[in-house]
Amino acid sequence: MAGNAQKIVELDRQRMTAMAKKDVATLTKILSDDLIYTHSSARMDTKQSLIGAMESGATVYTSVEPSDVVAQDLGSAVVLTGVAAISVNSGGNTNSFRVRFTDVYAEKGGQWQMVTWQSTRLG
């Protein structure tokens, strides 16, 4: 991996850890204001609705662990693909599952932010 690829793989790991720790300050910094977050259930969130659901307790991530992550450095954007093991309590229901994801980060004003997440449930 050349250029920014490894840096973005690490930034995305920080983002996943922040989701599991309900670290809103880190998420506010890493997630782009125009984020489009498509869950494996096909439900869509914005930055505001994703963080809001976490703050209200409607969605509580207890673990988000990436694996097999590959980064494509496109200059001002980096595309990540990989697998994530997710444990979440949503609407009172606890679920643990794995997803295959595509995740896009863009450089905005010298700062890298996540602009898109799309995941498909495995198995």
C-alpha atoms as a PDB file:
ATOM      1  CA  MET A   1       0.000   0.000   0.000  1.00  0.00           C
ATOM      2  CA  ALA A   2       1.391   3.352  -1.021  1.00  0.00           C
ATOM      3  CA  GLY A   3       0.605   6.941  -0.146  1.00  0.00           C
ATOM      4  CA  ASN A   4      -2.330   7.334   2.224  1.00  0.00           C
ATOM      5  CA  ALA A   5      -3.649   3.780   2.114  1.00  0.00           C
ATOM      6  CA  GLN A   6      -2.207   2.514   5.409  1.00  0.00           C
ATOM      7  CA  LYS A   7      -3.052   5.761   7.209  1.00  0.00           C
ATOM      8  CA  ILE A   8      -6.712   5.403   6.169  1.00  0.00           C
ATOM      9  CA  VAL A   9      -6.846   1.722   7.186  1.00  0.00           C
ATOM     10  CA  GLU A  10      -5.715   2.857  10.668  1.00  0.00           C
ATOM     11  CA  LEU A  11      -8.152   5.804  10.687  1.00  0.00           C
ATOM     12  CA  ASP A  12     -11.026   3.464   9.859  1.00  0.00           C
ATOM     13  CA  ARG A  13      -9.982   1.129  12.680  1.00  0.00           C
ATOM     14  CA  GLN A  14     -10.101   4.159  15.014  1.00  0.00           C
ATOM     15  CA  ARG A  15     -13.598   4.945  13.702  1.00  0.00           C
ATOM     16  CA  MET A  16     -14.798   1.390  14.367  1.00  0.00           C
ATOM     17  CA  THR A  17     -13.337   1.486  17.884  1.00  0.00           C
ATOM     18  CA  ALA A  18     -15.012   4.864  18.468  1.00  0.00           C
ATOM     19  CA  MET A  19     -18.372   3.369  17.449  1.00  0.00           C
ATOM     20  CA  ALA A  20     -17.944   0.541  19.972  1.00  0.00           C
ATOM     21  CA  LYS A  21     -16.894   3.004  22.698  1.00  0.00           C
ATOM     22  CA  LYS A  22     -19.617   5.554  21.837  1.00  0.00           C
ATOM     23  CA  ASP A  23     -16.824   8.109  21.352  1.00  0.00           C
ATOM     24  CA  VAL A  24     -18.874  10.886  19.763  1.00  0.00           C
ATOM     25  CA  ALA A  25     -15.999  13.388  19.671  1.00  0.00           C
ATOM     26  CA  THR A  26     -13.871  11.059  17.525  1.00  0.00           C
ATOM     27  CA  LEU A  27     -16.818  10.154  15.287  1.00  0.00           C
ATOM     28  CA  THR A  28     -17.697  13.831  14.792  1.00  0.00           C
ATOM     29  CA  LYS A  29     -14.143  14.428  13.548  1.00  0.00           C
ATOM     30  CA  ILE A  30     -13.853  11.320  11.327  1.00  0.00           C
ATOM     31  CA  LEU A  31     -17.341  11.259   9.762  1.00  0.00           C
ATOM     32  CA  SER A  32     -18.028  13.714   6.960  1.00  0.00           C
ATOM     33  CA  ASP A  33     -21.012  16.046   7.345  1.00  0.00           C
ATOM     34  CA  ASP A  34     -22.369  14.633   4.060  1.00  0.00           C
ATOM     35  CA  LEU A  35     -21.897  10.975   5.096  1.00  0.00           C
ATOM     36  CA  ILE A  36     -24.099   8.332   3.450  1.00  0.00           C
ATOM     37  CA  TYR A  37     -24.088   5.242   5.714  1.00  0.00           C
ATOM     38  CA  THR A  38     -25.951   2.227   4.330  1.00  0.00           C
ATOM     39  CA  HIS A  39     -26.364  -0.586   6.850  1.00  0.00           C
ATOM     40  CA  SER A  40     -26.456  -4.279   5.908  1.00  0.00           C
ATOM     41  CA  SER A  41     -30.233  -4.102   6.529  1.00  0.00           C
ATOM     42  CA  ALA A  42     -30.455  -1.451   3.763  1.00  0.00           C
ATOM     43  CA  ARG A  43     -31.350   1.240   6.331  1.00  0.00           C
ATOM     44  CA  MET A  44     -29.583   4.507   5.591  1.00  0.00           C
ATOM     45  CA  ASP A  45     -28.139   7.037   8.013  1.00  0.00           C
ATOM     46  CA  THR A  46     -26.572  10.462   7.811  1.00  0.00           C
ATOM     47  CA  LYS A  47     -23.796  11.558  10.153  1.00  0.00           C
ATOM     48  CA  GLN A  48     -26.394  13.199  12.369  1.00  0.00           C
ATOM     49  CA  SER A  49     -28.811  10.248  12.472  1.00  0.00           C
ATOM     50  CA  LEU A  50     -26.026   7.683  13.005  1.00  0.00           C
ATOM     51  CA  ILE A  51     -24.506   9.587  15.930  1.00  0.00           C
ATOM     52  CA  GLY A  52     -27.975  10.502  17.242  1.00  0.00           C
ATOM     53  CA  ALA A  53     -29.045   6.836  17.366  1.00  0.00           C
ATOM     54  CA  MET A  54     -25.873   6.003  19.291  1.00  0.00           C
ATOM     55  CA  GLU A  55     -26.343   8.897  21.734  1.00  0.00           C
ATOM     56  CA  SER A  56     -30.000   8.018  22.398  1.00  0.00           C
ATOM     57  CA  GLY A  57     -29.178   4.345  22.939  1.00  0.00           C
ATOM     58  CA  ALA A  58     -31.392   3.245  20.028  1.00  0.00           C
ATOM     59  CA  THR A  59     -28.289   1.697  18.429  1.00  0.00           C
ATOM     60  CA  VAL A  60     -25.460   0.521  20.675  1.00  0.00           C
ATOM     61  CA  TYR A  61     -22.392  -0.984  19.008  1.00  0.00           C
ATOM     62  CA  THR A  62     -20.527  -3.218  21.439  1.00  0.00           C
ATOM     63  CA  SER A  63     -17.863  -4.404  18.996  1.00  0.00           C
ATOM     64  CA  VAL A  64     -16.773  -3.597  15.434  1.00  0.00           C
ATOM     65  CA  GLU A  65     -13.714  -5.591  14.334  1.00  0.00           C
ATOM     66  CA  PRO A  66     -12.320  -5.297  10.783  1.00  0.00           C
ATOM     67  CA  SER A  67     -10.401  -7.982   8.895  1.00  0.00           C
ATOM     68  CA  ASP A  68      -9.087  -8.598   5.377  1.00  0.00           C
ATOM     69  CA  VAL A  69      -9.030  -4.848   4.697  1.00  0.00           C
ATOM     70  CA  VAL A  70      -7.661  -3.754   1.321  1.00  0.00           C
ATOM     71  CA  ALA A  71      -7.094  -0.093   0.478  1.00  0.00           C
ATOM     72  CA  GLN A  72      -7.131   1.520  -2.959  1.00  0.00           C
ATOM     73  CA  ASP A  73      -5.401   4.922  -2.870  1.00  0.00           C
ATOM     74  CA  LEU A  74      -6.949   7.151  -5.534  1.00  0.00           C
ATOM     75  CA  GLY A  75      -5.152  10.336  -4.501  1.00  0.00           C
ATOM     76  CA  SER A  76      -7.789  12.530  -2.832  1.00  0.00           C
ATOM     77  CA  ALA A  77      -9.897   9.468  -1.971  1.00  0.00           C
ATOM     78  CA  VAL A  78      -9.173   6.045  -0.506  1.00  0.00           C
ATOM     79  CA  VAL A  79     -11.560   3.117  -0.967  1.00  0.00           C
ATOM     80  CA  LEU A  80     -11.478   0.375   1.656  1.00  0.00           C
ATOM     81  CA  THR A  81     -12.982  -3.078   1.237  1.00  0.00           C
ATOM     82  CA  GLY A  82     -13.009  -5.795   3.822  1.00  0.00           C
ATOM     83  CA  VAL A  83     -14.967  -7.765   6.379  1.00  0.00           C
ATOM     84  CA  ALA A  84     -16.195  -6.562   9.773  1.00  0.00           C
ATOM     85  CA  ALA A  85     -17.539  -8.546  12.709  1.00  0.00           C
ATOM     86  CA  ILE A  86     -20.219  -6.397  14.337  1.00  0.00           C
ATOM     87  CA  SER A  87     -22.057  -6.779  17.631  1.00  0.00           C
ATOM     88  CA  VAL A  88     -24.892  -4.318  18.099  1.00  0.00           C
ATOM     89  CA  ASN A  89     -28.034  -3.777  20.128  1.00  0.00           C
ATOM     90  CA  SER A  90     -30.610  -2.071  17.924  1.00  0.00           C
ATOM     91  CA  GLY A  91     -34.160  -1.437  19.014  1.00  0.00           C
ATOM     92  CA  GLY A  92     -33.685  -3.741  21.999  1.00  0.00           C
ATOM     93  CA  ASN A  93     -32.442  -6.657  19.881  1.00  0.00           C
ATOM     94  CA  THR A  94     -28.867  -7.908  20.227  1.00  0.00           C
ATOM     95  CA  ASN A  95     -27.220  -9.124  17.033  1.00  0.00           C
ATOM     96  CA  SER A  96     -23.759 -10.333  16.105  1.00  0.00           C
ATOM     97  CA  PHE A  97     -22.925 -10.818  12.457  1.00  0.00           C
ATOM     98  CA  ARG A  98     -20.271 -10.325   9.811  1.00  0.00           C
ATOM     99  CA  VAL A  99     -20.467  -7.986   6.838  1.00  0.00           C
ATOM    100  CA  ARG A 100     -18.462  -7.331   3.709  1.00  0.00           C
ATOM    101  CA  PHE A 101     -18.028  -3.588   3.346  1.00  0.00           C
ATOM    102  CA  THR A 102     -16.971  -0.833   1.009  1.00  0.00           C
ATOM    103  CA  ASP A 103     -15.920   2.330   2.786  1.00  0.00           C
ATOM    104  CA  VAL A 104     -14.773   5.574   1.141  1.00  0.00           C
ATOM    105  CA  TYR A 105     -12.639   8.286   2.716  1.00  0.00           C
ATOM    106  CA  ALA A 106     -11.991  11.657   1.062  1.00  0.00           C
ATOM    107  CA  GLU A 107      -9.491  14.368   1.874  1.00  0.00           C
ATOM    108  CA  LYS A 108     -11.392  17.522   2.760  1.00  0.00           C
ATOM    109  CA  GLY A 109      -9.444  20.629   3.644  1.00  0.00           C
ATOM    110  CA  GLY A 110      -6.390  18.603   4.653  1.00  0.00           C
ATOM    111  CA  GLN A 111      -8.400  16.209   6.844  1.00  0.00           C
ATOM    112  CA  TRP A 112      -9.451  12.681   5.898  1.00  0.00           C
ATOM    113  CA  GLN A 113     -13.102  11.855   6.552  1.00  0.00           C
ATOM    114  CA  MET A 114     -15.392   8.908   5.866  1.00  0.00           C
ATOM    115  CA  VAL A 115     -17.954   9.859   3.205  1.00  0.00           C
ATOM    116  CA  THR A 116     -19.603   6.513   2.378  1.00  0.00           C
ATOM    117  CA  TRP A 117     -20.207   3.119   4.012  1.00  0.00           C
ATOM    118  CA  GLN A 118     -22.025   0.234   2.330  1.00  0.00           C
ATOM    119  CA  SER A 119     -22.214  -3.235   3.841  1.00  0.00           C
ATOM    120  CA  THR A 120     -23.708  -6.605   2.952  1.00  0.00           C
ATOM    121  CA  ARG A 121     -24.357  -9.256   5.590  1.00  0.00           C
ATOM    122  CA  LEU A 122     -22.372 -12.471   5.195  1.00  0.00           C
ATOM    123  CA  GLY A 123     -23.853 -15.897   5.773  1.00  0.00           C
END
